[in-house]
C-alpha atoms as a PDB file:
ATOM      1  CA  UNK A   1      -0.812 -97.382 -63.012  1.00  0.00           C
ATOM      2  CA  UNK A   2      -2.880 -97.285 -66.169  1.00  0.00           C
ATOM      3  CA  UNK A   3      -6.314 -98.812 -66.113  1.00  0.00           C
ATOM      4  CA  UNK A   4      -8.257 -99.624 -69.265  1.00  0.00           C
ATOM      5  CA  UNK A   5     -11.985 -98.781 -69.260  1.00  0.00           C
ATOM      6  CA  UNK A   6     -14.240-101.343 -70.979  1.00  0.00           C
ATOM      7  CA  UNK A   7     -17.946-100.701 -71.652  1.00  0.00           C
ATOM      8  CA  UNK A   8     -20.104-103.703 -70.818  1.00  0.00           C
ATOM      9  CA  UNK A   9     -22.309-104.945 -73.650  1.00  0.00           C
ATOM     10  CA  UNK A  10     -25.335-107.189 -73.217  1.00  0.00           C
ATOM     11  CA  UNK A  11     -25.606-110.513 -75.076  1.00  0.00           C
ATOM     12  CA  UNK A  12     -27.973-108.669 -77.519  1.00  0.00           C
ATOM     13  CA  UNK A  13     -25.170-106.102 -78.190  1.00  0.00           C
ATOM     14  CA  UNK A  14     -26.631-103.045 -76.445  1.00  0.00           C
ATOM     15  CA  UNK A  15     -24.257-100.977 -74.288  1.00  0.00           C
ATOM     16  CA  UNK A  16     -26.096 -99.483 -71.273  1.00  0.00           C
ATOM     17  CA  UNK A  17     -23.383 -97.066 -70.234  1.00  0.00           C
ATOM     18  CA  UNK A  18     -23.001 -95.667 -73.726  1.00  0.00           C
ATOM     19  CA  UNK A  19     -26.768 -95.238 -74.038  1.00  0.00           C
ATOM     20  CA  UNK A  20     -26.694 -93.331 -70.683  1.00  0.00           C
ATOM     21  CA  UNK A  21     -23.844 -91.047 -71.811  1.00  0.00           C
ATOM     22  CA  UNK A  22     -25.487 -90.381 -75.152  1.00  0.00           C
ATOM     23  CA  UNK A  23     -28.626 -89.245 -73.316  1.00  0.00           C
ATOM     24  CA  UNK A  24     -26.794 -86.488 -71.434  1.00  0.00           C
ATOM     25  CA  UNK A  25     -26.113 -82.868 -72.169  1.00  0.00           C
ATOM     26  CA  UNK A  26     -22.669 -82.280 -73.681  1.00  0.00           C
ATOM     27  CA  UNK A  27     -21.273 -80.442 -70.639  1.00  0.00           C
ATOM     28  CA  UNK A  28     -22.314 -83.232 -68.291  1.00  0.00           C
ATOM     29  CA  UNK A  29     -20.843 -85.877 -70.609  1.00  0.00           C
ATOM     30  CA  UNK A  30     -17.555 -83.872 -70.649  1.00  0.00           C
ATOM     31  CA  UNK A  31     -17.372 -83.886 -66.851  1.00  0.00           C
ATOM     32  CA  UNK A  32     -18.073 -87.614 -66.786  1.00  0.00           C
ATOM     33  CA  UNK A  33     -15.362 -88.146 -69.342  1.00  0.00           C
ATOM     34  CA  UNK A  34     -12.951 -86.169 -67.119  1.00  0.00           C
ATOM     35  CA  UNK A  35     -13.803 -88.341 -64.114  1.00  0.00           C
ATOM     36  CA  UNK A  36     -13.307 -91.520 -66.175  1.00  0.00           C
ATOM     37  CA  UNK A  37      -9.915 -90.208 -67.237  1.00  0.00           C
ATOM     38  CA  UNK A  38      -8.964 -89.950 -63.507  1.00  0.00           C
ATOM     39  CA  UNK A  39      -9.963 -93.565 -63.196  1.00  0.00           C
ATOM     40  CA  UNK A  40      -7.651 -94.492 -66.069  1.00  0.00           C
ATOM     41  CA  UNK A  41      -4.652 -92.447 -64.989  1.00  0.00           C
ATOM     42  CA  UNK A  42      -4.533 -92.067 -61.173  1.00  0.00           C
ATOM     43  CA  UNK A  43      -3.181 -94.721 -58.804  1.00  0.00           C
ATOM     44  CA  UNK A  44      -5.330 -93.413 -56.000  1.00  0.00           C
ATOM     45  CA  UNK A  45      -8.620 -91.910 -57.037  1.00  0.00           C
ATOM     46  CA  UNK A  46     -10.278 -89.599 -54.515  1.00  0.00           C
ATOM     47  CA  UNK A  47     -13.373 -91.174 -52.993  1.00  0.00           C
ATOM     48  CA  UNK A  48     -15.225 -87.992 -54.091  1.00  0.00           C
ATOM     49  CA  UNK A  49     -15.112 -89.534 -57.561  1.00  0.00           C
ATOM     50  CA  UNK A  50     -14.741 -93.270 -57.096  1.00  0.00           C
ATOM     51  CA  UNK A  51     -16.017 -95.442 -54.230  1.00  0.00           C
ATOM     52  CA  UNK A  52     -16.716 -99.127 -53.534  1.00  0.00           C
ATOM     53  CA  UNK A  53     -20.333 -99.807 -52.691  1.00  0.00           C
ATOM     54  CA  UNK A  54     -20.718-101.398 -49.267  1.00  0.00           C
ATOM     55  CA  UNK A  55     -22.634-104.694 -49.154  1.00  0.00           C
ATOM     56  CA  UNK A  56     -21.882-105.562 -52.804  1.00  0.00           C
ATOM     57  CA  UNK A  57     -19.726-108.141 -54.506  1.00  0.00           C
ATOM     58  CA  UNK A  58     -17.080-105.740 -55.835  1.00  0.00           C
ATOM     59  CA  UNK A  59     -19.330-103.065 -57.351  1.00  0.00           C
ATOM     60  CA  UNK A  60     -17.858 -99.570 -57.481  1.00  0.00           C
ATOM     61  CA  UNK A  61     -19.409 -96.268 -58.453  1.00  0.00           C
ATOM     62  CA  UNK A  62     -17.945 -93.384 -60.407  1.00  0.00           C
ATOM     63  CA  UNK A  63     -19.408 -90.331 -58.742  1.00  0.00           C
ATOM     64  CA  UNK A  64     -20.133 -87.143 -60.725  1.00  0.00           C
ATOM     65  CA  UNK A  65     -21.812 -84.021 -59.599  1.00  0.00           C
ATOM     66  CA  UNK A  66     -22.794 -81.401 -62.161  1.00  0.00           C
ATOM     67  CA  UNK A  67     -24.928 -78.450 -61.221  1.00  0.00           C
ATOM     68  CA  UNK A  68     -27.607 -79.701 -58.865  1.00  0.00           C
ATOM     69  CA  UNK A  69     -27.594 -83.228 -60.328  1.00  0.00           C
ATOM     70  CA  UNK A  70     -25.694 -86.279 -59.148  1.00  0.00           C
ATOM     71  CA  UNK A  71     -24.689 -88.886 -61.709  1.00  0.00           C
ATOM     72  CA  UNK A  72     -23.506 -92.441 -60.956  1.00  0.00           C
ATOM     73  CA  UNK A  73     -21.831 -94.995 -63.210  1.00  0.00           C
ATOM     74  CA  UNK A  74     -21.424 -98.467 -61.802  1.00  0.00           C
ATOM     75  CA  UNK A  75     -18.496-100.598 -62.574  1.00  0.00           C
ATOM     76  CA  UNK A  76     -16.281-103.498 -61.389  1.00  0.00           C
ATOM     77  CA  UNK A  77     -12.615-104.341 -61.606  1.00  0.00           C
ATOM     78  CA  UNK A  78     -11.022-107.249 -63.378  1.00  0.00           C
ATOM     79  CA  UNK A  79      -7.807-108.927 -62.107  1.00  0.00           C
ATOM     80  CA  UNK A  80      -5.675-107.202 -64.759  1.00  0.00           C
ATOM     81  CA  UNK A  81      -6.848-103.816 -63.349  1.00  0.00           C
ATOM     82  CA  UNK A  82      -9.194-103.128 -66.172  1.00  0.00           C
ATOM     83  CA  UNK A  83     -12.483-101.472 -65.227  1.00  0.00           C
ATOM     84  CA  UNK A  84     -15.820-102.550 -66.735  1.00  0.00           C
ATOM     85  CA  UNK A  85     -18.501 -99.849 -66.729  1.00  0.00           C
ATOM     86  CA  UNK A  86     -21.998-101.407 -66.474  1.00  0.00           C
ATOM     87  CA  UNK A  87     -24.509 -98.575 -66.569  1.00  0.00           C
ATOM     88  CA  UNK A  88     -25.306 -95.099 -65.326  1.00  0.00           C
ATOM     89  CA  UNK A  89     -28.172 -93.214 -63.799  1.00  0.00           C
ATOM     90  CA  UNK A  90     -29.109 -89.889 -62.316  1.00  0.00           C
ATOM     91  CA  UNK A  91     -29.266 -90.173 -58.530  1.00  0.00           C
ATOM     92  CA  UNK A  92     -32.434 -88.608 -57.128  1.00  0.00           C
ATOM     93  CA  UNK A  93     -32.333 -89.780 -53.512  1.00  0.00           C
ATOM     94  CA  UNK A  94     -29.784 -90.167 -50.706  1.00  0.00           C
ATOM     95  CA  UNK A  95     -29.713 -93.928 -50.917  1.00  0.00           C
ATOM     96  CA  UNK A  96     -28.605 -95.666 -54.050  1.00  0.00           C
ATOM     97  CA  UNK A  97     -31.598 -97.509 -55.449  1.00  0.00           C
ATOM     98  CA  UNK A  98     -31.400-101.281 -54.801  1.00  0.00           C
ATOM     99  CA  UNK A  99     -32.575-102.102 -58.341  1.00  0.00           C
ATOM    100  CA  UNK A 100     -29.630-100.156 -59.762  1.00  0.00           C
ATOM    101  CA  UNK A 101     -27.150-102.169 -57.660  1.00  0.00           C
ATOM    102  CA  UNK A 102     -28.838-105.426 -58.618  1.00  0.00           C
ATOM    103  CA  UNK A 103     -28.654-104.432 -62.284  1.00  0.00           C
ATOM    104  CA  UNK A 104     -24.810-103.778 -61.888  1.00  0.00           C
ATOM    105  CA  UNK A 105     -24.335-107.142 -60.188  1.00  0.00           C
ATOM    106  CA  UNK A 106     -26.375-108.919 -62.943  1.00  0.00           C
ATOM    107  CA  UNK A 107     -24.286-107.247 -65.643  1.00  0.00           C
ATOM    108  CA  UNK A 108     -21.048-108.162 -63.779  1.00  0.00           C
ATOM    109  CA  UNK A 109     -22.108-111.870 -63.482  1.00  0.00           C
ATOM    110  CA  UNK A 110     -23.106-111.895 -67.207  1.00  0.00           C
ATOM    111  CA  UNK A 111     -19.755-110.321 -68.235  1.00  0.00           C
ATOM    112  CA  UNK A 112     -17.653-112.764 -66.259  1.00  0.00           C
ATOM    113  CA  UNK A 113     -19.687-115.823 -67.296  1.00  0.00           C
ATOM    114  CA  UNK A 114     -19.435-114.896 -70.996  1.00  0.00           C
ATOM    115  CA  UNK A 115     -15.774-113.978 -70.881  1.00  0.00           C
ATOM    116  CA  UNK A 116     -14.953-117.424 -69.325  1.00  0.00           C
ATOM    117  CA  UNK A 117     -16.749-119.144 -72.170  1.00  0.00           C
ATOM    118  CA  UNK A 118     -14.787-117.352 -74.900  1.00  0.00           C
END
């Protein structure tokens, strides 16, 4: 299986996941790129790196640990097995912040709504 990764863009044209990646140290960005390549190339991605968030409407998280930091990139799947990355953040607590999940769901709804109107 080969998935295609798409970066979500807002109506205004900003790209939250690219802005997040651009803000990171080069070595961290390299590790995230490696995890995203697993997402593209592997049929079964280990849950260490990719997991569906319980209690959400199809929101998944790419999970990256580098040094003592934990990074998350939220995404969702399209029917054709493409993956849309919404945004990323550095996880500071055990629980994933509710506002980050809500942001991912908002971006997903926006993406789907706008792609149906094209």
